[in-house]
Amino acid sequence: MTIRQTTARYDVVIAGARCAGAATALLLARMGFRVLVVDRRERGGDTLSTHALMRGGVLQLHRWGILPAVIAAATPPVRETTFHYGIETVTIPISARHGVEALYAPRRYMLDRMLADAAAQAGADVVYGARVVDVTRSHTGRVTGVVVIDEDGERQAVPASHVVGADGIRSTVARLVEARTYREGRHATGCVYGYWKGIEDHGYHWHWAEGSAAGSIQTNDGETCVFVSMPAGAFHKTFRAGVEAGYRRLLIRAFPNLATNLPAEPMELHAFSGQRGFMRQSWGPGWSLVGDAGLFKDPISAHGITDALRDAELLARALAIGTTSALVAYQEQRDELGGDIFELSDDIASFAWDLRSVRLLHESLAKAMTAEVKAMAAWDAVGESLHERHTRPHVLDPVLNPHELRDAGGVLTATEDGKALVVS
């Protein structure tokens, strides 16, 4: 569809219709917000991903009523995950808990489209082939909308009470609002993802070897995503002679049983040379960030989609309240829930471990994810309040809530670590 030619403001404009942006739009639209989502790619386009949903991500899809569609698309249920440390194997069954009976790893072109279509069904305007190129501001500097260029090259200013950047690690919105990075990882991994038919391994498999890792994740259409990882500093040397040659060498080192039984050629190969994790300031006057635009952790923990779905709900709740303090709380909750996982992912991405110590890191990671799911499961039944359309809430406050300002005795701003600070 095209952007409405109207003088009426949208309540929220979201840049990016991947899982973070589409999920945020879905939840806001179900609450009655007027929402516009724009994405520069075509509908159903693919993106680089490990696909693996952790329990928290499946929990969100279950609560929002999206999981039945994922299952109906013949996404294989994952009922166990296996860690391979050299010759030692640790298999963990996926027990039924919090309404989650299995894990899933849907292809991104399918999951993102399901969430965006559900957002459209809830009343959001979803426009593909359009990109945000600028933000508009009031005389006070508050963001008041966006400037969009559509696929025909037409520029259009779109007024909005709030702008959300859900446009990935190189977020245009983050750049335009000058969102500060206040926490950064020390390490990064490079990855190559391959897709293969006819692999019989079930569940998630994670293999660990000195200086490298590999894994297999069953996804849709009888395909398995088989990935290899290495320190980002070794990426270009590893693949100097060609991506497939380097990919197979790493598989032989980390996942030899699978490497020797692969078909002659992969269906697809996608490379990612690495990016250090970061946390960015994710709220400001008239704007916020969600998904990889605001928090990106190393993909070695395969937690990115789960992060996006968790944080979409946190942000939707904050925007429903519509105050600055709610946005402050959004970022603080996000960082609290994801902080330990961020650090552990970074430690694993260092590859400065032996097989015993990486197993201990994984045990700590599992505890952190369990704590995350427990916290999410304890949230009130937002699925009930967001799953059905309700009357439209009040438009987001265009200025700082006067009661907050009076109570605080000053102006809310952000400190170096992204926390709220009252300036008299």
Protein backbone atom coordinates (compact mmCIF):
# COMPACT_ATOMS: atom_id res chain seq x y z
CA MET A 1 0.00 0.00 0.00
CA THR A 2 1.00 3.66 -0.20
CA ILE A 3 1.35 6.12 2.65
CA ARG A 4 -1.87 7.93 3.37
CA GLN A 5 -2.00 11.46 2.02
CA THR A 6 -3.48 13.05 5.12
CA THR A 7 -2.93 15.98 7.40
CA ALA A 8 -3.71 13.79 10.42
CA ARG A 9 -0.70 12.66 12.41
CA TYR A 10 0.18 9.06 12.96
CA ASP A 11 0.64 8.20 16.60
CA VAL A 12 3.73 6.16 15.78
CA VAL A 13 5.88 5.75 12.66
CA ILE A 14 8.21 2.75 12.69
CA ALA A 15 11.23 2.43 10.40
CA GLY A 16 11.73 -1.28 9.72
CA ALA A 17 9.24 -4.13 9.28
CA ARG A 18 11.48 -6.98 10.44
CA CYS A 19 10.62 -8.87 13.62
CA ALA A 20 11.31 -5.98 16.04
CA GLY A 21 9.46 -3.31 14.07
CA ALA A 22 6.61 -5.56 12.94
CA ALA A 23 6.05 -6.89 16.46
CA THR A 24 6.03 -3.38 17.93
CA ALA A 25 3.53 -2.30 15.26
CA LEU A 26 1.35 -5.33 15.94
CA LEU A 27 1.10 -4.63 19.66
CA LEU A 28 0.49 -0.90 19.24
CA ALA A 29 -2.12 -1.40 16.51
CA ARG A 30 -3.99 -3.88 18.70
CA MET A 31 -4.20 -1.16 21.32
CA GLY A 32 -5.71 1.22 18.79
CA PHE A 33 -2.71 3.38 17.92
CA ARG A 34 -2.52 4.81 14.41
CA VAL A 35 0.70 3.16 13.21
CA LEU A 36 2.72 3.42 10.01
CA VAL A 37 5.54 0.94 9.30
CA VAL A 38 7.91 1.54 6.40
CA ASP A 39 10.53 -0.91 5.16
CA ARG A 40 13.00 -0.39 2.35
CA ARG A 41 12.86 -4.02 1.21
CA GLU A 42 10.11 -5.90 -0.59
CA ARG A 43 7.46 -7.84 1.32
CA GLY A 44 8.74 -11.27 2.28
CA GLY A 45 12.40 -10.46 1.69
CA ASP A 46 14.99 -12.55 3.52
CA THR A 47 17.70 -11.43 5.91
CA LEU A 48 20.81 -12.93 7.52
CA SER A 49 19.79 -14.94 10.58
CA THR A 50 20.43 -18.06 12.62
CA HIS A 51 16.61 -18.42 12.91
CA ALA A 52 16.78 -20.13 16.31
CA LEU A 53 14.14 -18.90 18.73
CA MET A 54 14.95 -19.34 22.39
CA ARG A 55 12.12 -20.06 24.83
CA GLY A 56 11.48 -16.36 25.46
CA GLY A 57 10.88 -15.74 21.76
CA VAL A 58 8.49 -18.67 21.41
CA LEU A 59 6.71 -17.48 24.55
CA GLN A 60 6.05 -14.10 22.94
CA LEU A 61 4.67 -15.63 19.73
CA HIS A 62 2.44 -17.87 21.86
CA ARG A 63 1.10 -14.95 23.89
CA TRP A 64 0.40 -12.85 20.81
CA GLY A 65 -1.39 -15.63 18.92
CA ILE A 66 1.25 -15.89 16.17
CA LEU A 67 2.69 -19.30 17.10
CA PRO A 68 -0.15 -21.34 15.48
CA ALA A 69 0.76 -19.81 12.10
CA VAL A 70 4.44 -20.68 12.62
CA ILE A 71 3.47 -24.28 13.41
CA ALA A 72 1.00 -24.43 10.51
CA ALA A 73 3.83 -23.47 8.14
CA ALA A 74 5.44 -26.85 8.95
CA THR A 75 8.23 -25.30 10.99
CA PRO A 76 9.90 -28.31 12.66
CA PRO A 77 9.43 -28.43 16.44
CA VAL A 78 12.71 -28.55 18.33
CA ARG A 79 12.39 -30.78 21.39
CA GLU A 80 16.02 -31.01 22.39
CA THR A 81 19.23 -29.06 22.05
CA THR A 82 22.64 -30.73 22.05
CA PHE A 83 26.02 -29.24 22.90
CA HIS A 84 29.11 -30.99 21.55
CA TYR A 85 32.39 -30.31 23.35
CA GLY A 86 34.87 -32.39 21.41
CA ILE A 87 33.87 -36.00 22.06
CA GLU A 88 31.62 -35.05 25.00
CA THR A 89 27.93 -34.51 24.28
CA VAL A 90 25.30 -32.84 26.49
CA THR A 91 21.66 -33.12 25.37
CA ILE A 92 19.00 -31.00 27.03
CA PRO A 93 15.32 -31.86 26.44
CA ILE A 94 12.91 -28.96 25.91
CA SER A 95 10.30 -29.43 28.62
CA ALA A 96 6.84 -27.88 28.35
CA ARG A 97 6.78 -24.66 30.35
CA HIS A 98 4.91 -21.34 30.23
CA GLY A 99 2.81 -22.56 27.31
CA VAL A 100 5.91 -23.43 25.28
CA GLU A 101 6.11 -27.11 24.32
CA ALA A 102 8.94 -26.85 21.78
CA LEU A 103 11.31 -24.36 20.20
CA TYR A 104 11.16 -23.27 16.55
CA ALA A 105 13.51 -21.74 13.98
CA PRO A 106 11.37 -20.25 11.17
CA ARG A 107 12.95 -18.68 8.12
CA ARG A 108 12.99 -14.93 8.50
CA TYR A 109 11.15 -14.18 5.28
CA MET A 110 8.25 -16.11 6.80
CA LEU A 111 8.36 -14.93 10.44
CA ASP A 112 8.81 -11.24 9.58
CA ARG A 113 5.98 -11.40 7.06
CA MET A 114 3.65 -13.11 9.56
CA LEU A 115 4.24 -10.40 12.14
CA ALA A 116 3.87 -7.58 9.61
CA ASP A 117 0.68 -9.11 8.16
CA ALA A 118 -0.75 -9.46 11.67
CA ALA A 119 0.10 -5.80 12.30
CA ALA A 120 -1.74 -4.82 9.11
CA GLN A 121 -4.74 -6.93 10.10
CA ALA A 122 -4.78 -5.07 13.42
CA GLY A 123 -4.97 -1.75 11.59
CA ALA A 124 -1.37 -0.67 11.00
CA ASP A 125 -0.35 0.75 7.62
CA VAL A 126 2.61 -1.33 6.37
CA VAL A 127 4.49 0.06 3.36
CA TYR A 128 7.34 -1.74 1.59
CA GLY A 129 9.86 -0.21 -0.78
CA ALA A 130 10.02 3.02 1.23
CA ARG A 131 12.81 4.30 3.44
CA VAL A 132 13.20 6.93 6.11
CA VAL A 133 15.80 9.50 5.07
CA ASP A 134 15.27 12.21 7.67
CA VAL A 135 13.32 13.20 10.75
CA THR A 136 11.40 16.42 11.28
CA ARG A 137 11.71 18.40 14.49
CA SER A 138 9.88 21.10 16.40
CA HIS A 139 11.54 24.37 17.43
CA THR A 140 12.50 22.65 20.70
CA GLY A 141 14.30 19.83 18.88
CA ARG A 142 11.67 17.21 19.56
CA VAL A 143 11.21 14.67 16.73
CA THR A 144 7.81 15.26 15.13
CA GLY A 145 7.82 12.84 12.20
CA VAL A 146 9.88 11.47 9.34
CA VAL A 147 10.70 12.15 5.70
CA VAL A 148 10.19 9.07 3.54
CA ILE A 149 11.26 8.29 -0.02
CA ASP A 150 9.12 5.65 -1.74
CA GLU A 151 10.11 3.23 -4.49
CA ASP A 152 9.19 5.84 -7.14
CA GLY A 153 11.58 8.38 -5.61
CA GLU A 154 8.80 10.54 -4.17
CA ARG A 155 9.59 12.36 -0.91
CA GLN A 156 6.89 12.75 1.68
CA ALA A 157 6.93 14.25 5.16
CA VAL A 158 4.90 12.14 7.57
CA PRO A 159 3.99 13.78 10.90
CA ALA A 160 3.91 11.54 13.98
CA SER A 161 3.75 11.85 17.73
CA HIS A 162 6.58 9.31 18.03
CA VAL A 163 9.18 7.75 15.72
CA VAL A 164 10.63 4.27 16.32
CA GLY A 165 13.86 3.08 14.75
CA ALA A 166 13.66 -0.67 14.18
CA ASP A 167 16.05 -0.56 11.26
CA GLY A 168 18.97 -2.71 12.38
CA ILE A 169 22.54 -2.29 13.53
CA ARG A 170 23.20 0.51 11.01
CA SER A 171 19.99 2.27 11.95
CA THR A 172 19.22 5.43 10.00
CA VAL A 173 16.98 6.65 12.81
CA ALA A 174 19.73 6.12 15.40
CA ARG A 175 22.11 8.16 13.22
CA LEU A 176 19.61 10.95 12.63
CA VAL A 177 18.80 11.38 16.32
CA GLU A 178 22.49 10.93 17.26
CA ALA A 179 21.78 8.04 19.63
CA ARG A 180 24.84 7.45 21.78
CA THR A 181 26.48 4.06 22.31
CA TYR A 182 27.06 3.65 26.04
CA ARG A 183 28.09 0.00 26.23
CA GLU A 184 30.13 -1.97 23.73
CA GLY A 185 31.34 -5.53 23.49
CA ARG A 186 35.02 -6.36 23.39
CA HIS A 187 34.82 -9.21 20.87
CA ALA A 188 33.01 -10.24 17.70
CA THR A 189 32.53 -13.40 15.69
CA GLY A 190 32.37 -13.83 11.95
CA CYS A 191 29.82 -16.33 10.65
CA VAL A 192 28.86 -18.09 7.46
CA TYR A 193 25.39 -19.59 7.19
CA GLY A 194 24.62 -22.35 4.71
CA TYR A 195 21.32 -24.01 3.81
CA TRP A 196 21.16 -27.70 2.99
CA LYS A 197 18.50 -30.28 2.16
CA GLY A 198 18.43 -33.84 3.46
CA ILE A 199 20.20 -33.42 6.82
CA GLU A 200 18.63 -35.73 9.38
CA ASP A 201 19.93 -34.15 12.62
CA HIS A 202 17.01 -33.16 14.83
CA GLY A 203 16.87 -30.30 17.27
CA TYR A 204 19.52 -27.64 17.74
CA HIS A 205 23.16 -28.79 17.62
CA TRP A 206 26.04 -26.58 18.80
CA HIS A 207 29.62 -27.78 18.23
CA TRP A 208 32.68 -26.24 19.87
CA ALA A 209 36.35 -26.58 18.95
CA GLU A 210 39.49 -24.54 19.51
CA GLY A 211 39.13 -21.26 17.66
CA SER A 212 35.86 -22.17 15.94
CA ALA A 213 32.27 -23.26 16.41
CA ALA A 214 29.52 -24.70 14.24
CA GLY A 215 25.90 -25.69 14.51
CA SER A 216 22.84 -27.00 12.73
CA ILE A 217 19.32 -25.63 13.03
CA GLN A 218 16.33 -27.20 11.30
CA THR A 219 14.08 -24.69 9.57
CA ASN A 220 11.29 -24.70 6.98
CA ASP A 221 10.88 -26.65 3.74
CA GLY A 222 13.12 -29.52 4.84
CA GLU A 223 16.13 -27.21 5.06
CA THR A 224 18.78 -27.05 7.76
CA CYS A 225 20.81 -23.94 8.49
CA VAL A 226 24.40 -25.05 9.13
CA PHE A 227 26.65 -22.27 10.36
CA VAL A 228 30.31 -21.85 11.20
CA SER A 229 31.78 -19.16 13.48
CA MET A 230 35.28 -17.90 14.20
CA PRO A 231 36.85 -14.76 15.72
CA ALA A 232 36.07 -11.77 13.49
CA GLY A 233 39.80 -11.05 13.26
CA ALA A 234 40.31 -14.36 11.48
CA PHE A 235 37.40 -13.94 9.06
CA HIS A 236 39.16 -12.57 5.98
CA LYS A 237 42.13 -14.92 6.29
CA THR A 238 39.78 -17.91 6.69
CA PHE A 239 37.82 -17.09 3.55
CA ARG A 240 40.60 -15.63 1.43
CA ALA A 241 40.54 -18.64 -0.89
CA GLY A 242 36.75 -18.59 -1.16
CA VAL A 243 33.74 -18.65 1.16
CA GLU A 244 32.72 -22.27 0.52
CA ALA A 245 36.28 -23.62 0.87
CA GLY A 246 36.76 -21.84 4.21
CA TYR A 247 33.30 -22.87 5.37
CA ARG A 248 34.00 -26.55 4.74
CA ARG A 249 37.41 -26.35 6.47
CA LEU A 250 35.82 -24.93 9.61
CA LEU A 251 33.06 -27.54 9.51
CA ILE A 252 35.65 -30.33 9.35
CA ARG A 253 37.35 -28.86 12.42
CA ALA A 254 34.24 -28.22 14.54
CA PHE A 255 31.55 -30.55 13.11
CA PRO A 256 33.40 -33.39 11.29
CA ASN A 257 30.55 -35.92 11.30
CA LEU A 258 28.30 -33.54 9.41
CA ALA A 259 31.04 -32.07 7.20
CA THR A 260 31.86 -35.41 5.59
CA ASN A 261 28.20 -36.12 4.76
CA LEU A 262 27.11 -32.84 3.21
CA PRO A 263 25.83 -32.73 -0.37
CA ALA A 264 28.14 -31.49 -3.10
CA GLU A 265 26.87 -27.91 -3.02
CA PRO A 266 24.90 -25.80 -0.54
CA MET A 267 21.61 -24.21 -1.56
CA GLU A 268 22.72 -20.85 -0.16
CA LEU A 269 25.74 -19.36 1.61
CA HIS A 270 25.61 -16.05 3.49
CA ALA A 271 28.58 -14.43 5.24
CA PHE A 272 28.77 -11.97 8.15
CA SER A 273 32.23 -10.64 8.96
CA GLY A 274 31.34 -9.61 12.52
CA GLN A 275 30.19 -6.65 14.59
CA ARG A 276 30.86 -5.92 18.24
CA GLY A 277 27.77 -5.86 20.38
CA PHE A 278 26.46 -2.54 21.66
CA MET A 279 23.77 -0.84 23.68
CA ARG A 280 22.60 2.52 22.37
CA GLN A 281 20.63 5.25 24.06
CA SER A 282 17.15 4.15 22.97
CA TRP A 283 14.80 6.95 23.91
CA GLY A 284 14.65 10.68 23.46
CA PRO A 285 12.15 13.47 22.80
CA GLY A 286 9.77 11.96 20.26
CA TRP A 287 11.85 8.89 19.37
CA SER A 288 12.94 5.43 20.49
CA LEU A 289 14.91 2.44 19.19
CA VAL A 290 14.05 -1.26 19.32
CA GLY A 291 15.70 -4.48 18.16
CA ASP A 292 19.25 -4.40 16.80
CA ALA A 293 18.97 -0.63 16.35
CA GLY A 294 19.14 -0.22 20.11
CA LEU A 295 20.75 -3.40 21.43
CA PHE A 296 22.86 -5.80 19.40
CA LYS A 297 24.64 -8.77 20.90
CA ASP A 298 27.02 -11.15 19.22
CA PRO A 299 25.06 -13.76 17.19
CA ILE A 300 27.00 -16.62 18.76
CA SER A 301 24.26 -16.96 21.41
CA ALA A 302 21.48 -17.02 18.75
CA HIS A 303 19.40 -14.71 20.93
CA GLY A 304 18.73 -11.83 18.53
CA ILE A 305 15.15 -12.66 17.49
CA THR A 306 14.21 -13.37 21.09
CA ASP A 307 15.67 -9.98 22.08
CA ALA A 308 13.60 -8.28 19.39
CA LEU A 309 10.31 -9.88 20.44
CA ARG A 310 10.96 -9.26 24.14
CA ASP A 311 11.87 -5.60 23.61
CA ALA A 312 8.97 -4.94 21.23
CA GLU A 313 6.61 -5.61 24.09
CA LEU A 314 8.61 -3.52 26.54
CA LEU A 315 8.53 -0.59 24.13
CA ALA A 316 4.83 -1.02 23.27
CA ARG A 317 4.02 -0.92 26.99
CA ALA A 318 6.07 2.25 27.43
CA LEU A 319 4.43 3.98 24.47
CA ALA A 320 1.00 3.00 25.78
CA ILE A 321 1.81 4.86 29.00
CA GLY A 322 3.14 7.72 26.91
CA THR A 323 5.47 9.40 29.38
CA THR A 324 9.19 10.02 29.43
CA SER A 325 9.63 8.01 32.61
CA ALA A 326 8.01 5.03 30.86
CA LEU A 327 10.62 5.25 28.09
CA VAL A 328 13.36 5.50 30.71
CA ALA A 329 11.98 2.33 32.31
CA TYR A 330 11.82 0.60 28.90
CA GLN A 331 15.54 0.97 28.38
CA GLU A 332 16.41 0.06 31.95
CA GLN A 333 14.26 -3.10 31.84
CA ARG A 334 15.73 -4.08 28.49
CA ASP A 335 19.27 -3.69 29.80
CA GLU A 336 18.50 -5.53 33.01
CA LEU A 337 16.91 -8.50 31.22
CA GLY A 338 19.55 -8.64 28.51
CA GLY A 339 22.67 -7.50 30.33
CA ASP A 340 23.97 -10.85 31.56
CA ILE A 341 23.23 -12.48 28.20
CA PHE A 342 25.07 -9.61 26.47
CA GLU A 343 28.21 -10.13 28.59
CA LEU A 344 28.16 -13.93 28.34
CA SER A 345 27.70 -13.75 24.56
CA ASP A 346 30.70 -11.43 24.40
CA ASP A 347 32.79 -13.81 26.53
CA ILE A 348 31.93 -16.74 24.27
CA ALA A 349 32.69 -14.59 21.19
CA SER A 350 36.24 -14.09 22.47
CA PHE A 351 37.13 -17.73 21.67
CA ALA A 352 39.60 -17.37 24.57
CA TRP A 353 38.32 -20.55 26.18
CA ASP A 354 38.94 -24.25 26.35
CA LEU A 355 36.15 -26.81 26.14
CA ARG A 356 35.69 -26.95 29.90
CA SER A 357 35.42 -23.17 30.35
CA VAL A 358 33.08 -22.67 27.39
CA ARG A 359 30.79 -25.30 28.88
CA LEU A 360 30.71 -23.27 32.11
CA LEU A 361 29.88 -20.17 30.09
CA HIS A 362 26.98 -22.01 28.48
CA GLU A 363 25.69 -23.11 31.86
CA SER A 364 25.71 -19.48 33.01
CA LEU A 365 24.02 -18.44 29.76
CA ALA A 366 21.27 -21.02 30.33
CA LYS A 367 20.66 -19.65 33.84
CA ALA A 368 20.45 -16.10 32.49
CA MET A 369 17.94 -17.15 29.82
CA THR A 370 15.87 -19.00 32.42
CA ALA A 371 15.75 -15.86 34.56
CA GLU A 372 14.73 -13.84 31.50
CA VAL A 373 11.84 -16.19 30.67
CA LYS A 374 10.70 -16.23 34.29
CA ALA A 375 10.54 -12.43 34.28
CA MET A 376 8.67 -12.34 30.97
CA ALA A 377 6.19 -15.00 32.07
CA ALA A 378 5.43 -12.92 35.18
CA TRP A 379 4.37 -9.90 33.11
CA ASP A 380 0.64 -9.29 33.31
CA ALA A 381 -1.51 -10.76 30.57
CA VAL A 382 -0.53 -8.27 27.90
CA GLY A 383 -1.66 -10.85 25.37
CA GLU A 384 -5.22 -10.27 26.54
CA SER A 385 -4.99 -6.48 26.35
CA LEU A 386 -3.06 -6.38 23.07
CA HIS A 387 -4.52 -9.38 21.24
CA GLU A 388 -7.88 -7.68 20.76
CA ARG A 389 -8.48 -4.20 19.41
CA HIS A 390 -9.38 -1.66 22.08
CA THR A 391 -10.38 1.96 21.92
CA ARG A 392 -7.57 4.19 20.81
CA PRO A 393 -5.53 5.52 23.74
CA HIS A 394 -4.62 9.15 24.24
CA VAL A 395 -2.08 10.49 21.79
CA LEU A 396 1.43 10.36 23.22
CA ASP A 397 2.33 13.42 25.24
CA PRO A 398 4.21 15.81 22.92
CA VAL A 399 6.18 17.20 25.86
CA LEU A 400 7.46 15.95 29.17
CA ASN A 401 4.58 15.03 31.44
CA PRO A 402 4.13 18.11 33.71
CA HIS A 403 3.49 15.94 36.78
CA GLU A 404 6.78 14.14 36.21
CA LEU A 405 8.58 17.42 35.76
CA ARG A 406 7.15 18.87 38.96
CA ASP A 407 7.85 15.70 40.96
CA ALA A 408 11.40 15.42 39.63
CA GLY A 409 12.20 19.07 40.12
CA GLY A 410 14.14 19.20 36.88
CA VAL A 411 14.51 17.83 33.36
CA LEU A 412 15.09 14.17 32.51
CA THR A 413 18.14 13.48 30.38
CA ALA A 414 20.53 10.53 29.98
CA THR A 415 23.81 9.73 31.72
CA GLU A 416 26.81 8.02 30.12
CA ASP A 417 25.42 4.58 30.99
CA GLY A 418 22.02 5.38 29.53
CA LYS A 419 20.29 5.88 32.89
CA ALA A 420 17.91 8.71 33.65
CA LEU A 421 19.32 11.82 35.27
CA VAL A 422 17.45 14.79 36.74
CA VAL A 423 19.04 18.11 35.89
CA SER A 424 17.83 20.97 38.07
